[in-house]
Amino acid sequence: MTALSETGRQIVNAAAALPPEEQKEVVHQVQRLNKDLWTTGDAHRTRLWLTLLGGLFAIAIVAIICGVYLAAKGEDATALVAIASAVVAGVIGLFANPPTAD
């Protein structure tokens, strides 16, 4: 990890005395003016999460469509409804706060 430059230290010291909302604004301004300041690892992680979530929702949608089709033909579609329900519940569980969170 690299040390802060003198300008960086001055920004941090000046922002430390500001209220939280103004500190956020300072961070946003620094990010806006210095696009290469942070790595792109978060962008790749976000893209991966969106791809995985999109795939899970695609599975749920296909299961629902197939379930509706089978139900319209008078067949048993219980297994497909269970798959769709499990996928949706699993995705919701990914974003739920853990029970030990304060």
PDB file of N, CA and C in Angstrom:
ATOM      1  N   MET A   1       0.835  -1.171   0.000  1.00  0.00           N
ATOM      2  CA  MET A   1       0.000   0.000   0.000  1.00  0.00           C
ATOM      3  C   MET A   1       0.885   1.241   0.000  1.00  0.00           C
ATOM      4  N   THR A   2       0.523   2.221  -0.777  1.00  0.00           N
ATOM      5  CA  THR A   2       1.338   3.423  -0.874  1.00  0.00           C
ATOM      6  C   THR A   2       0.895   4.455   0.153  1.00  0.00           C
ATOM      7  N   ALA A   3       1.834   5.290   0.550  1.00  0.00           N
ATOM      8  CA  ALA A   3       1.542   6.344   1.515  1.00  0.00           C
ATOM      9  C   ALA A   3       0.832   7.493   0.803  1.00  0.00           C
ATOM     10  N   LEU A   4       0.073   8.246   1.555  1.00  0.00           N
ATOM     11  CA  LEU A   4      -0.609   9.397   0.995  1.00  0.00           C
ATOM     12  C   LEU A   4       0.389  10.495   0.662  1.00  0.00           C
ATOM     13  N   SER A   5       0.102  11.211  -0.387  1.00  0.00           N
ATOM     14  CA  SER A   5       0.923  12.375  -0.702  1.00  0.00           C
ATOM     15  C   SER A   5       0.576  13.483   0.286  1.00  0.00           C
ATOM     16  N   GLU A   6       1.337  14.539   0.241  1.00  0.00           N
ATOM     17  CA  GLU A   6       1.078  15.671   1.133  1.00  0.00           C
ATOM     18  C   GLU A   6      -0.306  16.250   0.865  1.00  0.00           C
ATOM     19  N   THR A   7      -0.696  16.337  -0.391  1.00  0.00           N
ATOM     20  CA  THR A   7      -2.026  16.837  -0.739  1.00  0.00           C
ATOM     21  C   THR A   7      -3.101  15.911  -0.185  1.00  0.00           C
ATOM     22  N   GLY A   8      -2.859  14.613  -0.297  1.00  0.00           N
ATOM     23  CA  GLY A   8      -3.814  13.635   0.234  1.00  0.00           C
ATOM     24  C   GLY A   8      -3.982  13.765   1.727  1.00  0.00           C
ATOM     25  N   ARG A   9      -2.880  13.946   2.427  1.00  0.00           N
ATOM     26  CA  ARG A   9      -2.957  14.132   3.885  1.00  0.00           C
ATOM     27  C   ARG A   9      -3.718  15.402   4.242  1.00  0.00           C
ATOM     28  N   GLN A  10      -3.510  16.459   3.481  1.00  0.00           N
ATOM     29  CA  GLN A  10      -4.222  17.708   3.739  1.00  0.00           C
ATOM     30  C   GLN A  10      -5.724  17.534   3.531  1.00  0.00           C
ATOM     31  N   ILE A  11      -6.100  16.800   2.487  1.00  0.00           N
ATOM     32  CA  ILE A  11      -7.524  16.555   2.219  1.00  0.00           C
ATOM     33  C   ILE A  11      -8.138  15.745   3.360  1.00  0.00           C
ATOM     34  N   VAL A  12      -7.432  14.698   3.788  1.00  0.00           N
ATOM     35  CA  VAL A  12      -7.947  13.852   4.873  1.00  0.00           C
ATOM     36  C   VAL A  12      -8.089  14.661   6.157  1.00  0.00           C
ATOM     37  N   ASN A  13      -7.087  15.453   6.491  1.00  0.00           N
ATOM     38  CA  ASN A  13      -7.147  16.258   7.716  1.00  0.00           C
ATOM     39  C   ASN A  13      -8.263  17.289   7.656  1.00  0.00           C
ATOM     40  N   ALA A  14      -8.441  17.916   6.496  1.00  0.00           N
ATOM     41  CA  ALA A  14      -9.507  18.916   6.356  1.00  0.00           C
ATOM     42  C   ALA A  14     -10.878  18.256   6.408  1.00  0.00           C
ATOM     43  N   ALA A  15     -11.013  17.083   5.798  1.00  0.00           N
ATOM     44  CA  ALA A  15     -12.316  16.403   5.759  1.00  0.00           C
ATOM     45  C   ALA A  15     -12.681  15.815   7.119  1.00  0.00           C
ATOM     46  N   ALA A  16     -11.692  15.491   7.939  1.00  0.00           N
ATOM     47  CA  ALA A  16     -11.968  14.882   9.245  1.00  0.00           C
ATOM     48  C   ALA A  16     -12.764  15.817  10.150  1.00  0.00           C
ATOM     49  N   ALA A  17     -12.629  17.112   9.941  1.00  0.00           N
ATOM     50  CA  ALA A  17     -13.326  18.077  10.790  1.00  0.00           C
ATOM     51  C   ALA A  17     -14.733  18.377  10.286  1.00  0.00           C
ATOM     52  N   LEU A  18     -15.090  17.863   9.128  1.00  0.00           N
ATOM     53  CA  LEU A  18     -16.403  18.157   8.544  1.00  0.00           C
ATOM     54  C   LEU A  18     -17.472  17.199   9.075  1.00  0.00           C
ATOM     55  N   PRO A  19     -18.736  17.609   8.978  1.00  0.00           N
ATOM     56  CA  PRO A  19     -19.831  16.689   9.323  1.00  0.00           C
ATOM     57  C   PRO A  19     -19.860  15.506   8.339  1.00  0.00           C
ATOM     58  N   PRO A  20     -20.477  14.378   8.709  1.00  0.00           N
ATOM     59  CA  PRO A  20     -20.458  13.177   7.864  1.00  0.00           C
ATOM     60  C   PRO A  20     -20.967  13.392   6.440  1.00  0.00           C
ATOM     61  N   GLU A  21     -22.023  14.167   6.262  1.00  0.00           N
ATOM     62  CA  GLU A  21     -22.556  14.387   4.915  1.00  0.00           C
ATOM     63  C   GLU A  21     -21.553  15.147   4.044  1.00  0.00           C
ATOM     64  N   GLU A  22     -20.880  16.107   4.624  1.00  0.00           N
ATOM     65  CA  GLU A  22     -19.882  16.859   3.867  1.00  0.00           C
ATOM     66  C   GLU A  22     -18.647  16.003   3.596  1.00  0.00           C
ATOM     67  N   GLN A  23     -18.316  15.086   4.513  1.00  0.00           N
ATOM     68  CA  GLN A  23     -17.215  14.154   4.266  1.00  0.00           C
ATOM     69  C   GLN A  23     -17.526  13.283   3.062  1.00  0.00           C
ATOM     70  N   LYS A  24     -18.762  12.803   2.972  1.00  0.00           N
ATOM     71  CA  LYS A  24     -19.161  11.993   1.814  1.00  0.00           C
ATOM     72  C   LYS A  24     -19.026  12.794   0.525  1.00  0.00           C
ATOM     73  N   GLU A  25     -19.413  14.054   0.571  1.00  0.00           N
ATOM     74  CA  GLU A  25     -19.310  14.898  -0.611  1.00  0.00           C
ATOM     75  C   GLU A  25     -17.846  15.087  -1.025  1.00  0.00           C
ATOM     76  N   VAL A  26     -16.947  15.260  -0.047  1.00  0.00           N
ATOM     77  CA  VAL A  26     -15.524  15.388  -0.355  1.00  0.00           C
ATOM     78  C   VAL A  26     -15.023  14.112  -1.034  1.00  0.00           C
ATOM     79  N   VAL A  27     -15.417  12.954  -0.510  1.00  0.00           N
ATOM     80  CA  VAL A  27     -14.987  11.687  -1.110  1.00  0.00           C
ATOM     81  C   VAL A  27     -15.502  11.575  -2.532  1.00  0.00           C
ATOM     82  N   HIS A  28     -16.768  11.936  -2.760  1.00  0.00           N
ATOM     83  CA  HIS A  28     -17.329  11.874  -4.111  1.00  0.00           C
ATOM     84  C   HIS A  28     -16.591  12.802  -5.068  1.00  0.00           C
ATOM     85  N   GLN A  29     -16.240  13.984  -4.585  1.00  0.00           N
ATOM     86  CA  GLN A  29     -15.514  14.931  -5.443  1.00  0.00           C
ATOM     87  C   GLN A  29     -14.108  14.402  -5.772  1.00  0.00           C
ATOM     88  N   VAL A  30     -13.437  13.830  -4.776  1.00  0.00           N
ATOM     89  CA  VAL A  30     -12.102  13.272  -5.025  1.00  0.00           C
ATOM     90  C   VAL A  30     -12.195  12.118  -6.017  1.00  0.00           C
ATOM     91  N   GLN A  31     -13.207  11.260  -5.862  1.00  0.00           N
ATOM     92  CA  GLN A  31     -13.387  10.142  -6.791  1.00  0.00           C
ATOM     93  C   GLN A  31     -13.688  10.653  -8.196  1.00  0.00           C
ATOM     94  N   ARG A  32     -14.527  11.670  -8.286  1.00  0.00           N
ATOM     95  CA  ARG A  32     -14.899  12.209  -9.595  1.00  0.00           C
ATOM     96  C   ARG A  32     -13.685  12.800 -10.314  1.00  0.00           C
ATOM     97  N   LEU A  33     -12.825  13.471  -9.570  1.00  0.00           N
ATOM     98  CA  LEU A  33     -11.675  14.134 -10.182  1.00  0.00           C
ATOM     99  C   LEU A  33     -10.494  13.193 -10.416  1.00  0.00           C
ATOM    100  N   ASN A  34     -10.452  12.064  -9.718  1.00  0.00           N
ATOM    101  CA  ASN A  34      -9.341  11.116  -9.837  1.00  0.00           C
ATOM    102  C   ASN A  34      -9.889   9.727 -10.154  1.00  0.00           C
ATOM    103  N   LYS A  35     -10.230   9.513 -11.400  1.00  0.00           N
ATOM    104  CA  LYS A  35     -10.876   8.258 -11.813  1.00  0.00           C
ATOM    105  C   LYS A  35     -10.015   7.031 -11.527  1.00  0.00           C
ATOM    106  N   ASP A  36      -8.699   7.140 -11.617  1.00  0.00           N
ATOM    107  CA  ASP A  36      -7.805   5.996 -11.449  1.00  0.00           C
ATOM    108  C   ASP A  36      -7.293   5.847 -10.020  1.00  0.00           C
ATOM    109  N   LEU A  37      -7.909   6.525  -9.080  1.00  0.00           N
ATOM    110  CA  LEU A  37      -7.429   6.500  -7.708  1.00  0.00           C
ATOM    111  C   LEU A  37      -7.672   5.151  -7.046  1.00  0.00           C
ATOM    112  N   TRP A  38      -8.817   4.519  -7.350  1.00  0.00           N
ATOM    113  CA  TRP A  38      -9.143   3.209  -6.785  1.00  0.00           C
ATOM    114  C   TRP A  38      -9.081   2.150  -7.868  1.00  0.00           C
ATOM    115  N   THR A  39      -8.816   0.932  -7.456  1.00  0.00           N
ATOM    116  CA  THR A  39      -8.718  -0.161  -8.415  1.00  0.00           C
ATOM    117  C   THR A  39     -10.089  -0.510  -8.972  1.00  0.00           C
ATOM    118  N   THR A  40     -10.092  -1.283 -10.040  1.00  0.00           N
ATOM    119  CA  THR A  40     -11.349  -1.687 -10.672  1.00  0.00           C
ATOM    120  C   THR A  40     -11.847  -3.016 -10.131  1.00  0.00           C
ATOM    121  N   GLY A  41     -11.263  -3.525  -9.047  1.00  0.00           N
ATOM    122  CA  GLY A  41     -11.694  -4.806  -8.484  1.00  0.00           C
ATOM    123  C   GLY A  41     -13.160  -4.806  -8.106  1.00  0.00           C
ATOM    124  N   ASP A  42     -13.651  -3.698  -7.581  1.00  0.00           N
ATOM    125  CA  ASP A  42     -15.058  -3.627  -7.216  1.00  0.00           C
ATOM    126  C   ASP A  42     -15.953  -3.683  -8.442  1.00  0.00           C
ATOM    127  N   ALA A  43     -15.531  -3.080  -9.531  1.00  0.00           N
ATOM    128  CA  ALA A  43     -16.327  -3.126 -10.757  1.00  0.00           C
ATOM    129  C   ALA A  43     -16.432  -4.557 -11.270  1.00  0.00           C
ATOM    130  N   HIS A  44     -15.339  -5.302 -11.203  1.00  0.00           N
ATOM    131  CA  HIS A  44     -15.373  -6.697 -11.652  1.00  0.00           C
ATOM    132  C   HIS A  44     -16.248  -7.540 -10.726  1.00  0.00           C
ATOM    133  N   ARG A  45     -16.147  -7.295  -9.439  1.00  0.00           N
ATOM    134  CA  ARG A  45     -16.972  -8.028  -8.475  1.00  0.00           C
ATOM    135  C   ARG A  45     -18.446  -7.726  -8.702  1.00  0.00           C
ATOM    136  N   THR A  46     -18.772  -6.462  -8.950  1.00  0.00           N
ATOM    137  CA  THR A  46     -20.161  -6.086  -9.210  1.00  0.00           C
ATOM    138  C   THR A  46     -20.671  -6.752 -10.473  1.00  0.00           C
ATOM    139  N   ARG A  47     -19.860  -6.766 -11.519  1.00  0.00           N
ATOM    140  CA  ARG A  47     -20.261  -7.417 -12.768  1.00  0.00           C
ATOM    141  C   ARG A  47     -20.498  -8.907 -12.549  1.00  0.00           C
ATOM    142  N   LEU A  48     -19.642  -9.549 -11.769  1.00  0.00           N
ATOM    143  CA  LEU A  48     -19.803 -10.968 -11.471  1.00  0.00           C
ATOM    144  C   LEU A  48     -21.106 -11.225 -10.708  1.00  0.00           C
ATOM    145  N   TRP A  49     -21.360 -10.407  -9.683  1.00  0.00           N
ATOM    146  CA  TRP A  49     -22.601 -10.571  -8.913  1.00  0.00           C
ATOM    147  C   TRP A  49     -23.823 -10.380  -9.795  1.00  0.00           C
ATOM    148  N   LEU A  50     -23.820  -9.356 -10.638  1.00  0.00           N
ATOM    149  CA  LEU A  50     -24.966  -9.118 -11.509  1.00  0.00           C
ATOM    150  C   LEU A  50     -25.163 -10.265 -12.492  1.00  0.00           C
ATOM    151  N   THR A  51     -24.070 -10.836 -12.992  1.00  0.00           N
ATOM    152  CA  THR A  51     -24.176 -11.973 -13.894  1.00  0.00           C
ATOM    153  C   THR A  51     -24.767 -13.184 -13.177  1.00  0.00           C
ATOM    154  N   LEU A  52     -24.266 -13.460 -11.980  1.00  0.00           N
ATOM    155  CA  LEU A  52     -24.795 -14.592 -11.214  1.00  0.00           C
ATOM    156  C   LEU A  52     -26.264 -14.398 -10.850  1.00  0.00           C
ATOM    157  N   LEU A  53     -26.611 -13.199 -10.395  1.00  0.00           N
ATOM    158  CA  LEU A  53     -28.010 -12.939 -10.045  1.00  0.00           C
ATOM    159  C   LEU A  53     -28.909 -12.994 -11.269  1.00  0.00           C
ATOM    160  N   GLY A  54     -28.428 -12.474 -12.385  1.00  0.00           N
ATOM    161  CA  GLY A  54     -29.201 -12.562 -13.634  1.00  0.00           C
ATOM    162  C   GLY A  54     -29.430 -14.005 -14.042  1.00  0.00           C
ATOM    163  N   GLY A  55     -28.405 -14.844 -13.891  1.00  0.00           N
ATOM    164  CA  GLY A  55     -28.551 -16.262 -14.205  1.00  0.00           C
ATOM    165  C   GLY A  55     -29.549 -16.949 -13.295  1.00  0.00           C
ATOM    166  N   LEU A  56     -29.502 -16.617 -12.002  1.00  0.00           N
ATOM    167  CA  LEU A  56     -30.468 -17.211 -11.069  1.00  0.00           C
ATOM    168  C   LEU A  56     -31.894 -16.793 -11.407  1.00  0.00           C
ATOM    169  N   PHE A  57     -32.091 -15.523 -11.726  1.00  0.00           N
ATOM    170  CA  PHE A  57     -33.430 -15.082 -12.086  1.00  0.00           C
ATOM    171  C   PHE A  57     -33.875 -15.685 -13.415  1.00  0.00           C
ATOM    172  N   ALA A  58     -32.948 -15.911 -14.337  1.00  0.00           N
ATOM    173  CA  ALA A  58     -33.301 -16.576 -15.599  1.00  0.00           C
ATOM    174  C   ALA A  58     -33.793 -17.997 -15.320  1.00  0.00           C
ATOM    175  N   ILE A  59     -33.116 -18.697 -14.406  1.00  0.00           N
ATOM    176  CA  ILE A  59     -33.559 -20.044 -14.029  1.00  0.00           C
ATOM    177  C   ILE A  59     -34.959 -19.984 -13.421  1.00  0.00           C
ATOM    178  N   ALA A  60     -35.199 -19.011 -12.560  1.00  0.00           N
ATOM    179  CA  ALA A  60     -36.516 -18.882 -11.937  1.00  0.00           C
ATOM    180  C   ALA A  60     -37.588 -18.585 -12.980  1.00  0.00           C
ATOM    181  N   ILE A  61     -37.299 -17.707 -13.918  1.00  0.00           N
ATOM    182  CA  ILE A  61     -38.278 -17.354 -14.954  1.00  0.00           C
ATOM    183  C   ILE A  61     -38.577 -18.548 -15.847  1.00  0.00           C
ATOM    184  N   VAL A  62     -37.542 -19.292 -16.245  1.00  0.00           N
ATOM    185  CA  VAL A  62     -37.753 -20.486 -17.070  1.00  0.00           C
ATOM    186  C   VAL A  62     -38.591 -21.506 -16.306  1.00  0.00           C
ATOM    187  N   ALA A  63     -38.309 -21.704 -15.019  1.00  0.00           N
ATOM    188  CA  ALA A  63     -39.088 -22.647 -14.218  1.00  0.00           C
ATOM    189  C   ALA A  63     -40.545 -22.208 -14.114  1.00  0.00           C
ATOM    190  N   ILE A  64     -40.778 -20.918 -13.951  1.00  0.00           N
ATOM    191  CA  ILE A  64     -42.155 -20.412 -13.864  1.00  0.00           C
ATOM    192  C   ILE A  64     -42.880 -20.599 -15.192  1.00  0.00           C
ATOM    193  N   ILE A  65     -42.232 -20.256 -16.294  1.00  0.00           N
ATOM    194  CA  ILE A  65     -42.861 -20.408 -17.612  1.00  0.00           C
ATOM    195  C   ILE A  65     -43.181 -21.874 -17.893  1.00  0.00           C
ATOM    196  N   CYS A  66     -42.228 -22.743 -17.602  1.00  0.00           N
ATOM    197  CA  CYS A  66     -42.475 -24.178 -17.809  1.00  0.00           C
ATOM    198  C   CYS A  66     -43.578 -24.682 -16.881  1.00  0.00           C
ATOM    199  N   GLY A  67     -43.608 -24.184 -15.653  1.00  0.00           N
ATOM    200  CA  GLY A  67     -44.659 -24.578 -14.718  1.00  0.00           C
ATOM    201  C   GLY A  67     -46.033 -24.154 -15.194  1.00  0.00           C
ATOM    202  N   VAL A  68     -46.137 -22.935 -15.720  1.00  0.00           N
ATOM    203  CA  VAL A  68     -47.418 -22.451 -16.248  1.00  0.00           C
ATOM    204  C   VAL A  68     -47.829 -23.290 -17.454  1.00  0.00           C
ATOM    205  N   TYR A  69     -46.879 -23.595 -18.309  1.00  0.00           N
ATOM    206  CA  TYR A  69     -47.175 -24.411 -19.496  1.00  0.00           C
ATOM    207  C   TYR A  69     -47.666 -25.799 -19.086  1.00  0.00           C
ATOM    208  N   LEU A  70     -46.964 -26.425 -18.138  1.00  0.00           N
ATOM    209  CA  LEU A  70     -47.386 -27.757 -17.696  1.00  0.00           C
ATOM    210  C   LEU A  70     -48.741 -27.700 -16.981  1.00  0.00           C
ATOM    211  N   ALA A  71     -48.976 -26.678 -16.191  1.00  0.00           N
ATOM    212  CA  ALA A  71     -50.260 -26.549 -15.500  1.00  0.00           C
ATOM    213  C   ALA A  71     -51.398 -26.354 -16.496  1.00  0.00           C
ATOM    214  N   ALA A  72     -51.140 -25.615 -17.567  1.00  0.00           N
ATOM    215  CA  ALA A  72     -52.163 -25.408 -18.594  1.00  0.00           C
ATOM    216  C   ALA A  72     -52.505 -26.714 -19.309  1.00  0.00           C
ATOM    217  N   LYS A  73     -51.548 -27.631 -19.403  1.00  0.00           N
ATOM    218  CA  LYS A  73     -51.796 -28.924 -20.039  1.00  0.00           C
ATOM    219  C   LYS A  73     -52.356 -29.956 -19.049  1.00  0.00           C
ATOM    220  N   GLY A  74     -52.510 -29.550 -17.775  1.00  0.00           N
ATOM    221  CA  GLY A  74     -53.054 -30.446 -16.786  1.00  0.00           C
ATOM    222  C   GLY A  74     -52.018 -31.341 -16.122  1.00  0.00           C
ATOM    223  N   GLU A  75     -50.754 -31.061 -16.317  1.00  0.00           N
ATOM    224  CA  GLU A  75     -49.677 -31.855 -15.712  1.00  0.00           C
ATOM    225  C   GLU A  75     -49.317 -31.295 -14.340  1.00  0.00           C
ATOM    226  N   ASP A  76     -48.565 -32.064 -13.574  1.00  0.00           N
ATOM    227  CA  ASP A  76     -48.116 -31.631 -12.253  1.00  0.00           C
ATOM    228  C   ASP A  76     -46.870 -30.757 -12.402  1.00  0.00           C
ATOM    229  N   ALA A  77     -46.931 -29.513 -11.924  1.00  0.00           N
ATOM    230  CA  ALA A  77     -45.820 -28.567 -12.054  1.00  0.00           C
ATOM    231  C   ALA A  77     -45.247 -28.195 -10.700  1.00  0.00           C
ATOM    232  N   THR A  78     -45.475 -29.000  -9.706  1.00  0.00           N
ATOM    233  CA  THR A  78     -45.043 -28.683  -8.342  1.00  0.00           C
ATOM    234  C   THR A  78     -43.531 -28.541  -8.242  1.00  0.00           C
ATOM    235  N   ALA A  79     -42.803 -29.404  -8.894  1.00  0.00           N
ATOM    236  CA  ALA A  79     -41.333 -29.359  -8.818  1.00  0.00           C
ATOM    237  C   ALA A  79     -40.790 -28.060  -9.401  1.00  0.00           C
ATOM    238  N   LEU A  80     -41.382 -27.590 -10.492  1.00  0.00           N
ATOM    239  CA  LEU A  80     -40.906 -26.352 -11.109  1.00  0.00           C
ATOM    240  C   LEU A  80     -41.227 -25.141 -10.234  1.00  0.00           C
ATOM    241  N   VAL A  81     -42.363 -25.162  -9.576  1.00  0.00           N
ATOM    242  CA  VAL A  81     -42.703 -24.071  -8.657  1.00  0.00           C
ATOM    243  C   VAL A  81     -41.738 -24.073  -7.477  1.00  0.00           C
ATOM    244  N   ALA A  82     -41.362 -25.255  -7.005  1.00  0.00           N
ATOM    245  CA  ALA A  82     -40.408 -25.347  -5.901  1.00  0.00           C
ATOM    246  C   ALA A  82     -39.041 -24.793  -6.307  1.00  0.00           C
ATOM    247  N   ILE A  83     -38.616 -25.068  -7.534  1.00  0.00           N
ATOM    248  CA  ILE A  83     -37.332 -24.539  -8.012  1.00  0.00           C
ATOM    249  C   ILE A  83     -37.366 -23.019  -8.052  1.00  0.00           C
ATOM    250  N   ALA A  84     -38.414 -22.463  -8.633  1.00  0.00           N
ATOM    251  CA  ALA A  84     -38.526 -21.004  -8.726  1.00  0.00           C
ATOM    252  C   ALA A  84     -38.573 -20.374  -7.331  1.00  0.00           C
ATOM    253  N   SER A  85     -39.324 -20.978  -6.419  1.00  0.00           N
ATOM    254  CA  SER A  85     -39.411 -20.449  -5.059  1.00  0.00           C
ATOM    255  C   SER A  85     -38.061 -20.503  -4.353  1.00  0.00           C
ATOM    256  N   ALA A  86     -37.335 -21.595  -4.537  1.00  0.00           N
ATOM    257  CA  ALA A  86     -36.027 -21.731  -3.890  1.00  0.00           C
ATOM    258  C   ALA A  86     -35.037 -20.692  -4.415  1.00  0.00           C
ATOM    259  N   VAL A  87     -35.062 -20.441  -5.723  1.00  0.00           N
ATOM    260  CA  VAL A  87     -34.138 -19.461  -6.303  1.00  0.00           C
ATOM    261  C   VAL A  87     -34.452 -18.067  -5.769  1.00  0.00           C
ATOM    262  N   VAL A  88     -35.714 -17.686  -5.776  1.00  0.00           N
ATOM    263  CA  VAL A  88     -36.091 -16.347  -5.304  1.00  0.00           C
ATOM    264  C   VAL A  88     -35.776 -16.198  -3.816  1.00  0.00           C
ATOM    265  N   ALA A  89     -36.096 -17.210  -3.018  1.00  0.00           N
ATOM    266  CA  ALA A  89     -35.795 -17.136  -1.581  1.00  0.00           C
ATOM    267  C   ALA A  89     -34.292 -17.087  -1.335  1.00  0.00           C
ATOM    268  N   GLY A  90     -33.519 -17.829  -2.108  1.00  0.00           N
ATOM    269  CA  GLY A  90     -32.061 -17.799  -1.959  1.00  0.00           C
ATOM    270  C   GLY A  90     -31.475 -16.439  -2.283  1.00  0.00           C
ATOM    271  N   VAL A  91     -31.983 -15.804  -3.333  1.00  0.00           N
ATOM    272  CA  VAL A  91     -31.491 -14.472  -3.703  1.00  0.00           C
ATOM    273  C   VAL A  91     -31.859 -13.459  -2.620  1.00  0.00           C
ATOM    274  N   ILE A  92     -33.046 -13.549  -2.089  1.00  0.00           N
ATOM    275  CA  ILE A  92     -33.432 -12.648  -1.001  1.00  0.00           C
ATOM    276  C   ILE A  92     -32.544 -12.887   0.213  1.00  0.00           C
ATOM    277  N   GLY A  93     -32.228 -14.140   0.493  1.00  0.00           N
ATOM    278  CA  GLY A  93     -31.359 -14.462   1.618  1.00  0.00           C
ATOM    279  C   GLY A  93     -29.960 -13.912   1.474  1.00  0.00           C
ATOM    280  N   LEU A  94     -29.494 -13.748   0.229  1.00  0.00           N
ATOM    281  CA  LEU A  94     -28.153 -13.167   0.023  1.00  0.00           C
ATOM    282  C   LEU A  94     -28.067 -11.734   0.539  1.00  0.00           C
ATOM    283  N   PHE A  95     -29.168 -11.025   0.493  1.00  0.00           N
ATOM    284  CA  PHE A  95     -29.157  -9.617   0.866  1.00  0.00           C
ATOM    285  C   PHE A  95     -29.722  -9.359   2.255  1.00  0.00           C
ATOM    286  N   ALA A  96     -30.162 -10.388   2.947  1.00  0.00           N
ATOM    287  CA  ALA A  96     -30.704 -10.210   4.294  1.00  0.00           C
ATOM    288  C   ALA A  96     -29.565  -9.977   5.283  1.00  0.00           C
ATOM    289  N   ASN A  97     -29.849  -9.202   6.308  1.00  0.00           N
ATOM    290  CA  ASN A  97     -28.868  -8.980   7.363  1.00  0.00           C
ATOM    291  C   ASN A  97     -28.716 -10.256   8.174  1.00  0.00           C
ATOM    292  N   PRO A  98     -27.499 -10.615   8.557  1.00  0.00           N
ATOM    293  CA  PRO A  98     -27.333 -11.799   9.379  1.00  0.00           C
ATOM    294  C   PRO A  98     -27.945 -11.577  10.763  1.00  0.00           C
ATOM    295  N   PRO A  99     -28.408 -12.649  11.402  1.00  0.00           N
ATOM    296  CA  PRO A  99     -29.064 -12.470  12.701  1.00  0.00           C
ATOM    297  C   PRO A  99     -28.115 -11.952  13.786  1.00  0.00           C
ATOM    298  N   THR A 100     -26.816 -12.064  13.575  1.00  0.00           N
ATOM    299  CA  THR A 100     -25.865 -11.587  14.576  1.00  0.00           C
ATOM    300  C   THR A 100     -25.437 -10.152  14.337  1.00  0.00           C
ATOM    301  N   ALA A 101     -25.947  -9.519  13.271  1.00  0.00           N
ATOM    302  CA  ALA A 101     -25.564  -8.131  12.962  1.00  0.00           C
ATOM    303  C   ALA A 101     -26.143  -7.189  14.007  1.00  0.00           C
ATOM    304  N   ASP A 102     -25.360  -6.192  14.357  1.00  0.00           N
ATOM    305  CA  ASP A 102     -25.817  -5.200  15.330  1.00  0.00           C
ATOM    306  C   ASP A 102     -26.534  -4.074  14.635  1.00  0.00           C
TER     307      ASP A 102
END
